[in-house]
Amino acid sequence: LEVARALEQRRLTVMPLSLHGANALAGA
């Protein structure tokens, strides 16, 4: 989940395997 937060401003394609991670990246 901390990794997800660290990727919020990056240009990547990400598939998170938890709803916590998906929520952290939803507004990226």
PDB file of all heavy atoms in Angstrom:
ATOM      1  N   LEU A   1       0.839  -1.202   0.000  1.00  0.00           N
ATOM      2  CA  LEU A   1       0.000   0.000   0.000  1.00  0.00           C
ATOM      3  C   LEU A   1       0.872   1.249   0.000  1.00  0.00           C
ATOM      4  O   LEU A   1       0.564   2.234  -0.695  1.00  0.00           O
ATOM      5  CB  LEU A   1      -0.927  -0.006   1.212  1.00  0.00           C
ATOM      6  CG  LEU A   1      -1.820   1.225   1.389  1.00  0.00           C
ATOM      7  CD1 LEU A   1      -2.676   1.485   0.155  1.00  0.00           C
ATOM      8  CD2 LEU A   1      -2.700   1.071   2.631  1.00  0.00           C
ATOM      9  N   GLU A   2       1.976   1.234   0.742  1.00  0.00           N
ATOM     10  CA  GLU A   2       2.904   2.373   0.701  1.00  0.00           C
ATOM     11  C   GLU A   2       3.548   2.506  -0.677  1.00  0.00           C
ATOM     12  O   GLU A   2       3.787   3.613  -1.156  1.00  0.00           O
ATOM     13  CB  GLU A   2       3.975   2.224   1.782  1.00  0.00           C
ATOM     14  CG  GLU A   2       3.466   2.354   3.204  1.00  0.00           C
ATOM     15  CD  GLU A   2       2.841   3.708   3.505  1.00  0.00           C
ATOM     16  OE1 GLU A   2       3.176   4.706   2.821  1.00  0.00           O
ATOM     17  OE2 GLU A   2       2.000   3.785   4.419  1.00  0.00           O
ATOM     18  N   VAL A   3       3.817   1.374  -1.343  1.00  0.00           N
ATOM     19  CA  VAL A   3       4.341   1.433  -2.712  1.00  0.00           C
ATOM     20  C   VAL A   3       3.313   2.100  -3.621  1.00  0.00           C
ATOM     21  O   VAL A   3       3.663   2.956  -4.451  1.00  0.00           O
ATOM     22  CB  VAL A   3       4.701   0.030  -3.230  1.00  0.00           C
ATOM     23  CG1 VAL A   3       5.126   0.099  -4.697  1.00  0.00           C
ATOM     24  CG2 VAL A   3       5.806  -0.595  -2.388  1.00  0.00           C
ATOM     25  N   ALA A   4       2.046   1.741  -3.475  1.00  0.00           N
ATOM     26  CA  ALA A   4       0.992   2.367  -4.291  1.00  0.00           C
ATOM     27  C   ALA A   4       1.016   3.885  -4.115  1.00  0.00           C
ATOM     28  O   ALA A   4       0.940   4.641  -5.100  1.00  0.00           O
ATOM     29  CB  ALA A   4      -0.376   1.795  -3.911  1.00  0.00           C
ATOM     30  N   ARG A   5       1.116   4.334  -2.885  1.00  0.00           N
ATOM     31  CA  ARG A   5       1.140   5.784  -2.623  1.00  0.00           C
ATOM     32  C   ARG A   5       2.357   6.448  -3.251  1.00  0.00           C
ATOM     33  O   ARG A   5       2.293   7.602  -3.689  1.00  0.00           O
ATOM     34  CB  ARG A   5       1.101   6.026  -1.119  1.00  0.00           C
ATOM     35  CG  ARG A   5      -0.244   5.650  -0.483  1.00  0.00           C
ATOM     36  CD  ARG A   5      -0.177   5.609   1.025  1.00  0.00           C
ATOM     37  NE  ARG A   5      -1.494   5.349   1.605  1.00  0.00           N
ATOM     38  CZ  ARG A   5      -1.692   4.807   2.796  1.00  0.00           C
ATOM     39  NH1 ARG A   5      -0.653   4.460   3.557  1.00  0.00           N
ATOM     40  NH2 ARG A   5      -2.922   4.608   3.243  1.00  0.00           N
ATOM     41  N   ALA A   6       3.480   5.716  -3.307  1.00  0.00           N
ATOM     42  CA  ALA A   6       4.700   6.271  -3.903  1.00  0.00           C
ATOM     43  C   ALA A   6       4.628   6.343  -5.422  1.00  0.00           C
ATOM     44  O   ALA A   6       5.453   7.022  -6.051  1.00  0.00           O
ATOM     45  CB  ALA A   6       5.904   5.425  -3.482  1.00  0.00           C
ATOM     46  N   LEU A   7       3.656   5.656  -6.029  1.00  0.00           N
ATOM     47  CA  LEU A   7       3.540   5.623  -7.496  1.00  0.00           C
ATOM     48  C   LEU A   7       2.481   6.575  -8.030  1.00  0.00           C
ATOM     49  O   LEU A   7       2.259   6.633  -9.240  1.00  0.00           O
ATOM     50  CB  LEU A   7       3.200   4.205  -7.955  1.00  0.00           C
ATOM     51  CG  LEU A   7       4.196   3.104  -7.589  1.00  0.00           C
ATOM     52  CD1 LEU A   7       3.721   1.768  -8.144  1.00  0.00           C
ATOM     53  CD2 LEU A   7       5.596   3.436  -8.104  1.00  0.00           C
ATOM     54  N   GLU A   8       1.858   7.335  -7.166  1.00  0.00           N
ATOM     55  CA  GLU A   8       0.687   8.116  -7.554  1.00  0.00           C
ATOM     56  C   GLU A   8       0.967   9.099  -8.687  1.00  0.00           C
ATOM     57  O   GLU A   8       0.096   9.374  -9.516  1.00  0.00           O
ATOM     58  CB  GLU A   8       0.142   8.874  -6.336  1.00  0.00           C
ATOM     59  CG  GLU A   8      -1.185   9.548  -6.588  1.00  0.00           C
ATOM     60  CD  GLU A   8      -1.723  10.243  -5.349  1.00  0.00           C
ATOM     61  OE1 GLU A   8      -1.025  10.250  -4.322  1.00  0.00           O
ATOM     62  OE2 GLU A   8      -2.841  10.780  -5.421  1.00  0.00           O
ATOM     63  N   GLN A   9       2.169   9.646  -8.759  1.00  0.00           N
ATOM     64  CA  GLN A   9       2.489  10.640  -9.787  1.00  0.00           C
ATOM     65  C   GLN A   9       3.240  10.061 -10.983  1.00  0.00           C
ATOM     66  O   GLN A   9       3.687  10.809 -11.852  1.00  0.00           O
ATOM     67  CB  GLN A   9       3.332  11.769  -9.161  1.00  0.00           C
ATOM     68  CG  GLN A   9       2.644  12.510  -8.028  1.00  0.00           C
ATOM     69  CD  GLN A   9       1.337  13.163  -8.463  1.00  0.00           C
ATOM     70  OE1 GLN A   9       1.241  13.720  -9.574  1.00  0.00           O
ATOM     71  NE2 GLN A   9       0.317  13.084  -7.616  1.00  0.00           N
ATOM     72  N   ARG A  10       3.348   8.738 -11.063  1.00  0.00           N
ATOM     73  CA  ARG A  10       4.148   8.110 -12.105  1.00  0.00           C
ATOM     74  C   ARG A  10       3.316   7.779 -13.345  1.00  0.00           C
ATOM     75  O   ARG A  10       2.100   7.625 -13.289  1.00  0.00           O
ATOM     76  CB  ARG A  10       4.786   6.832 -11.550  1.00  0.00           C
ATOM     77  CG  ARG A  10       5.756   7.071 -10.410  1.00  0.00           C
ATOM     78  CD  ARG A  10       7.005   7.798 -10.880  1.00  0.00           C
ATOM     79  NE  ARG A  10       7.676   7.028 -11.907  1.00  0.00           N
ATOM     80  CZ  ARG A  10       8.517   6.016 -11.644  1.00  0.00           C
ATOM     81  NH1 ARG A  10       8.788   5.668 -10.398  1.00  0.00           N
ATOM     82  NH2 ARG A  10       9.111   5.363 -12.635  1.00  0.00           N
ATOM     83  N   ARG A  11       4.026   7.614 -14.486  1.00  0.00           N
ATOM     84  CA  ARG A  11       3.406   7.174 -15.741  1.00  0.00           C
ATOM     85  C   ARG A  11       3.638   5.674 -15.884  1.00  0.00           C
ATOM     86  O   ARG A  11       4.635   5.218 -16.452  1.00  0.00           O
ATOM     87  CB  ARG A  11       4.007   7.941 -16.924  1.00  0.00           C
ATOM     88  CG  ARG A  11       3.698   9.432 -16.904  1.00  0.00           C
ATOM     89  CD  ARG A  11       4.259  10.135 -18.125  1.00  0.00           C
ATOM     90  NE  ARG A  11       3.973  11.560 -18.109  1.00  0.00           N
ATOM     91  CZ  ARG A  11       2.857  12.125 -18.542  1.00  0.00           C
ATOM     92  NH1 ARG A  11       1.902  11.348 -19.063  1.00  0.00           N
ATOM     93  NH2 ARG A  11       2.676  13.419 -18.486  1.00  0.00           N
ATOM     94  N   LEU A  12       2.730   4.920 -15.345  1.00  0.00           N
ATOM     95  CA  LEU A  12       2.832   3.467 -15.310  1.00  0.00           C
ATOM     96  C   LEU A  12       1.461   2.856 -15.579  1.00  0.00           C
ATOM     97  O   LEU A  12       0.441   3.536 -15.471  1.00  0.00           O
ATOM     98  CB  LEU A  12       3.315   2.989 -13.933  1.00  0.00           C
ATOM     99  CG  LEU A  12       4.683   3.457 -13.439  1.00  0.00           C
ATOM    100  CD1 LEU A  12       4.801   3.209 -11.937  1.00  0.00           C
ATOM    101  CD2 LEU A  12       5.797   2.732 -14.186  1.00  0.00           C
ATOM    102  N   THR A  13       1.447   1.578 -15.901  1.00  0.00           N
ATOM    103  CA  THR A  13       0.216   0.802 -15.882  1.00  0.00           C
ATOM    104  C   THR A  13       0.298  -0.121 -14.670  1.00  0.00           C
ATOM    105  O   THR A  13       1.244  -0.905 -14.553  1.00  0.00           O
ATOM    106  CB  THR A  13       0.065  -0.027 -17.164  1.00  0.00           C
ATOM    107  OG1 THR A  13      -0.032   0.854 -18.286  1.00  0.00           O
ATOM    108  CG2 THR A  13      -1.177  -0.906 -17.100  1.00  0.00           C
ATOM    109  N   VAL A  14      -0.656  -0.004 -13.767  1.00  0.00           N
ATOM    110  CA  VAL A  14      -0.578  -0.736 -12.498  1.00  0.00           C
ATOM    111  C   VAL A  14      -1.877  -1.510 -12.248  1.00  0.00           C
ATOM    112  O   VAL A  14      -2.976  -0.947 -12.375  1.00  0.00           O
ATOM    113  CB  VAL A  14      -0.312   0.216 -11.307  1.00  0.00           C
ATOM    114  CG1 VAL A  14      -0.226  -0.577 -10.000  1.00  0.00           C
ATOM    115  CG2 VAL A  14       0.968   1.011 -11.532  1.00  0.00           C
ATOM    116  N   MET A  15      -1.725  -2.774 -11.898  1.00  0.00           N
ATOM    117  CA  MET A  15      -2.860  -3.565 -11.420  1.00  0.00           C
ATOM    118  C   MET A  15      -2.638  -3.863  -9.933  1.00  0.00           C
ATOM    119  O   MET A  15      -1.837  -4.736  -9.583  1.00  0.00           O
ATOM    120  CB  MET A  15      -3.012  -4.875 -12.196  1.00  0.00           C
ATOM    121  CG  MET A  15      -4.154  -5.742 -11.646  1.00  0.00           C
ATOM    122  SD  MET A  15      -4.297  -7.357 -12.453  1.00  0.00           S
ATOM    123  CE  MET A  15      -5.233  -6.889 -13.925  1.00  0.00           C
ATOM    124  N   PRO A  16      -3.318  -3.171  -9.038  1.00  0.00           N
ATOM    125  CA  PRO A  16      -3.219  -3.484  -7.613  1.00  0.00           C
ATOM    126  C   PRO A  16      -4.099  -4.686  -7.278  1.00  0.00           C
ATOM    127  O   PRO A  16      -5.192  -4.837  -7.820  1.00  0.00           O
ATOM    128  CB  PRO A  16      -3.720  -2.206  -6.925  1.00  0.00           C
ATOM    129  CG  PRO A  16      -4.595  -1.556  -7.934  1.00  0.00           C
ATOM    130  CD  PRO A  16      -4.165  -2.002  -9.297  1.00  0.00           C
ATOM    131  N   LEU A  17      -3.626  -5.515  -6.368  1.00  0.00           N
ATOM    132  CA  LEU A  17      -4.346  -6.732  -5.997  1.00  0.00           C
ATOM    133  C   LEU A  17      -5.106  -6.571  -4.682  1.00  0.00           C
ATOM    134  O   LEU A  17      -5.393  -7.562  -4.001  1.00  0.00           O
ATOM    135  CB  LEU A  17      -3.377  -7.911  -5.923  1.00  0.00           C
ATOM    136  CG  LEU A  17      -2.687  -8.237  -7.249  1.00  0.00           C
ATOM    137  CD1 LEU A  17      -1.681  -9.369  -7.072  1.00  0.00           C
ATOM    138  CD2 LEU A  17      -3.707  -8.578  -8.335  1.00  0.00           C
ATOM    139  N   SER A  18      -5.423  -5.331  -4.341  1.00  0.00           N
ATOM    140  CA  SER A  18      -6.270  -5.076  -3.175  1.00  0.00           C
ATOM    141  C   SER A  18      -7.077  -3.812  -3.427  1.00  0.00           C
ATOM    142  O   SER A  18      -6.668  -2.930  -4.203  1.00  0.00           O
ATOM    143  CB  SER A  18      -5.438  -4.917  -1.904  1.00  0.00           C
ATOM    144  OG  SER A  18      -4.868  -3.622  -1.823  1.00  0.00           O
ATOM    145  N   LEU A  19      -8.228  -3.710  -2.758  1.00  0.00           N
ATOM    146  CA  LEU A  19      -9.029  -2.496  -2.873  1.00  0.00           C
ATOM    147  C   LEU A  19      -8.360  -1.321  -2.182  1.00  0.00           C
ATOM    148  O   LEU A  19      -8.563  -0.175  -2.579  1.00  0.00           O
ATOM    149  CB  LEU A  19     -10.426  -2.741  -2.293  1.00  0.00           C
ATOM    150  CG  LEU A  19     -11.270  -3.802  -3.012  1.00  0.00           C
ATOM    151  CD1 LEU A  19     -12.672  -3.852  -2.425  1.00  0.00           C
ATOM    152  CD2 LEU A  19     -11.321  -3.541  -4.516  1.00  0.00           C
ATOM    153  N   HIS A  20      -7.548  -1.577  -1.164  1.00  0.00           N
ATOM    154  CA  HIS A  20      -6.771  -0.493  -0.541  1.00  0.00           C
ATOM    155  C   HIS A  20      -5.841   0.139  -1.579  1.00  0.00           C
ATOM    156  O   HIS A  20      -5.757   1.373  -1.694  1.00  0.00           O
ATOM    157  CB  HIS A  20      -5.945  -1.020   0.632  1.00  0.00           C
ATOM    158  CG  HIS A  20      -6.739  -1.374   1.843  1.00  0.00           C
ATOM    159  ND1 HIS A  20      -7.537  -0.484   2.519  1.00  0.00           N
ATOM    160  CD2 HIS A  20      -6.834  -2.559   2.529  1.00  0.00           C
ATOM    161  CE1 HIS A  20      -8.095  -1.073   3.563  1.00  0.00           C
ATOM    162  NE2 HIS A  20      -7.696  -2.326   3.588  1.00  0.00           N
ATOM    163  N   GLY A  21      -5.115  -0.714  -2.320  1.00  0.00           N
ATOM    164  CA  GLY A  21      -4.205  -0.204  -3.340  1.00  0.00           C
ATOM    165  C   GLY A  21      -4.929   0.489  -4.467  1.00  0.00           C
ATOM    166  O   GLY A  21      -4.492   1.531  -4.963  1.00  0.00           O
ATOM    167  N   ALA A  22      -6.062  -0.075  -4.901  1.00  0.00           N
ATOM    168  CA  ALA A  22      -6.843   0.544  -5.970  1.00  0.00           C
ATOM    169  C   ALA A  22      -7.344   1.922  -5.554  1.00  0.00           C
ATOM    170  O   ALA A  22      -7.307   2.879  -6.344  1.00  0.00           O
ATOM    171  CB  ALA A  22      -8.018  -0.360  -6.344  1.00  0.00           C
ATOM    172  N   ASN A  23      -7.792   2.035  -4.309  1.00  0.00           N
ATOM    173  CA  ASN A  23      -8.281   3.317  -3.817  1.00  0.00           C
ATOM    174  C   ASN A  23      -7.162   4.349  -3.766  1.00  0.00           C
ATOM    175  O   ASN A  23      -7.369   5.524  -4.096  1.00  0.00           O
ATOM    176  CB  ASN A  23      -8.901   3.137  -2.431  1.00  0.00           C
ATOM    177  CG  ASN A  23      -9.523   4.414  -1.913  1.00  0.00           C
ATOM    178  OD1 ASN A  23     -10.423   4.978  -2.519  1.00  0.00           O
ATOM    179  ND2 ASN A  23      -9.037   4.882  -0.773  1.00  0.00           N
ATOM    180  N   ALA A  24      -5.949   3.917  -3.371  1.00  0.00           N
ATOM    181  CA  ALA A  24      -4.815   4.843  -3.291  1.00  0.00           C
ATOM    182  C   ALA A  24      -4.432   5.386  -4.664  1.00  0.00           C
ATOM    183  O   ALA A  24      -3.929   6.516  -4.773  1.00  0.00           O
ATOM    184  CB  ALA A  24      -3.615   4.141  -2.656  1.00  0.00           C
ATOM    185  N   LEU A  25      -4.683   4.611  -5.722  1.00  0.00           N
ATOM    186  CA  LEU A  25      -4.268   5.011  -7.069  1.00  0.00           C
ATOM    187  C   LEU A  25      -5.419   5.529  -7.934  1.00  0.00           C
ATOM    188  O   LEU A  25      -5.200   5.920  -9.077  1.00  0.00           O
ATOM    189  CB  LEU A  25      -3.609   3.822  -7.775  1.00  0.00           C
ATOM    190  CG  LEU A  25      -2.271   3.375  -7.182  1.00  0.00           C
ATOM    191  CD1 LEU A  25      -1.828   2.056  -7.804  1.00  0.00           C
ATOM    192  CD2 LEU A  25      -1.212   4.446  -7.386  1.00  0.00           C
ATOM    193  N   ALA A  26      -6.615   5.543  -7.367  1.00  0.00           N
ATOM    194  CA  ALA A  26      -7.791   5.883  -8.180  1.00  0.00           C
ATOM    195  C   ALA A  26      -7.719   7.283  -8.777  1.00  0.00           C
ATOM    196  O   ALA A  26      -8.233   7.516  -9.876  1.00  0.00           O
ATOM    197  CB  ALA A  26      -9.060   5.735  -7.341  1.00  0.00           C
ATOM    198  N   GLY A  27      -7.099   8.218  -8.097  1.00  0.00           N
ATOM    199  CA  GLY A  27      -7.030   9.581  -8.613  1.00  0.00           C
ATOM    200  C   GLY A  27      -5.708   9.941  -9.261  1.00  0.00           C
ATOM    201  O   GLY A  27      -5.458  11.117  -9.563  1.00  0.00           O
ATOM    202  N   ALA A  28      -4.840   8.947  -9.490  1.00  0.00           N
ATOM    203  CA  ALA A  28      -3.522   9.226 -10.067  1.00  0.00           C
ATOM    204  C   ALA A  28      -3.672   9.811 -11.467  1.00  0.00           C
ATOM    205  O   ALA A  28      -4.306   9.190 -12.334  1.00  0.00           O
ATOM    206  CB  ALA A  28      -2.695   7.948 -10.116  1.00  0.00           C
TER     207      ALA A  28
END
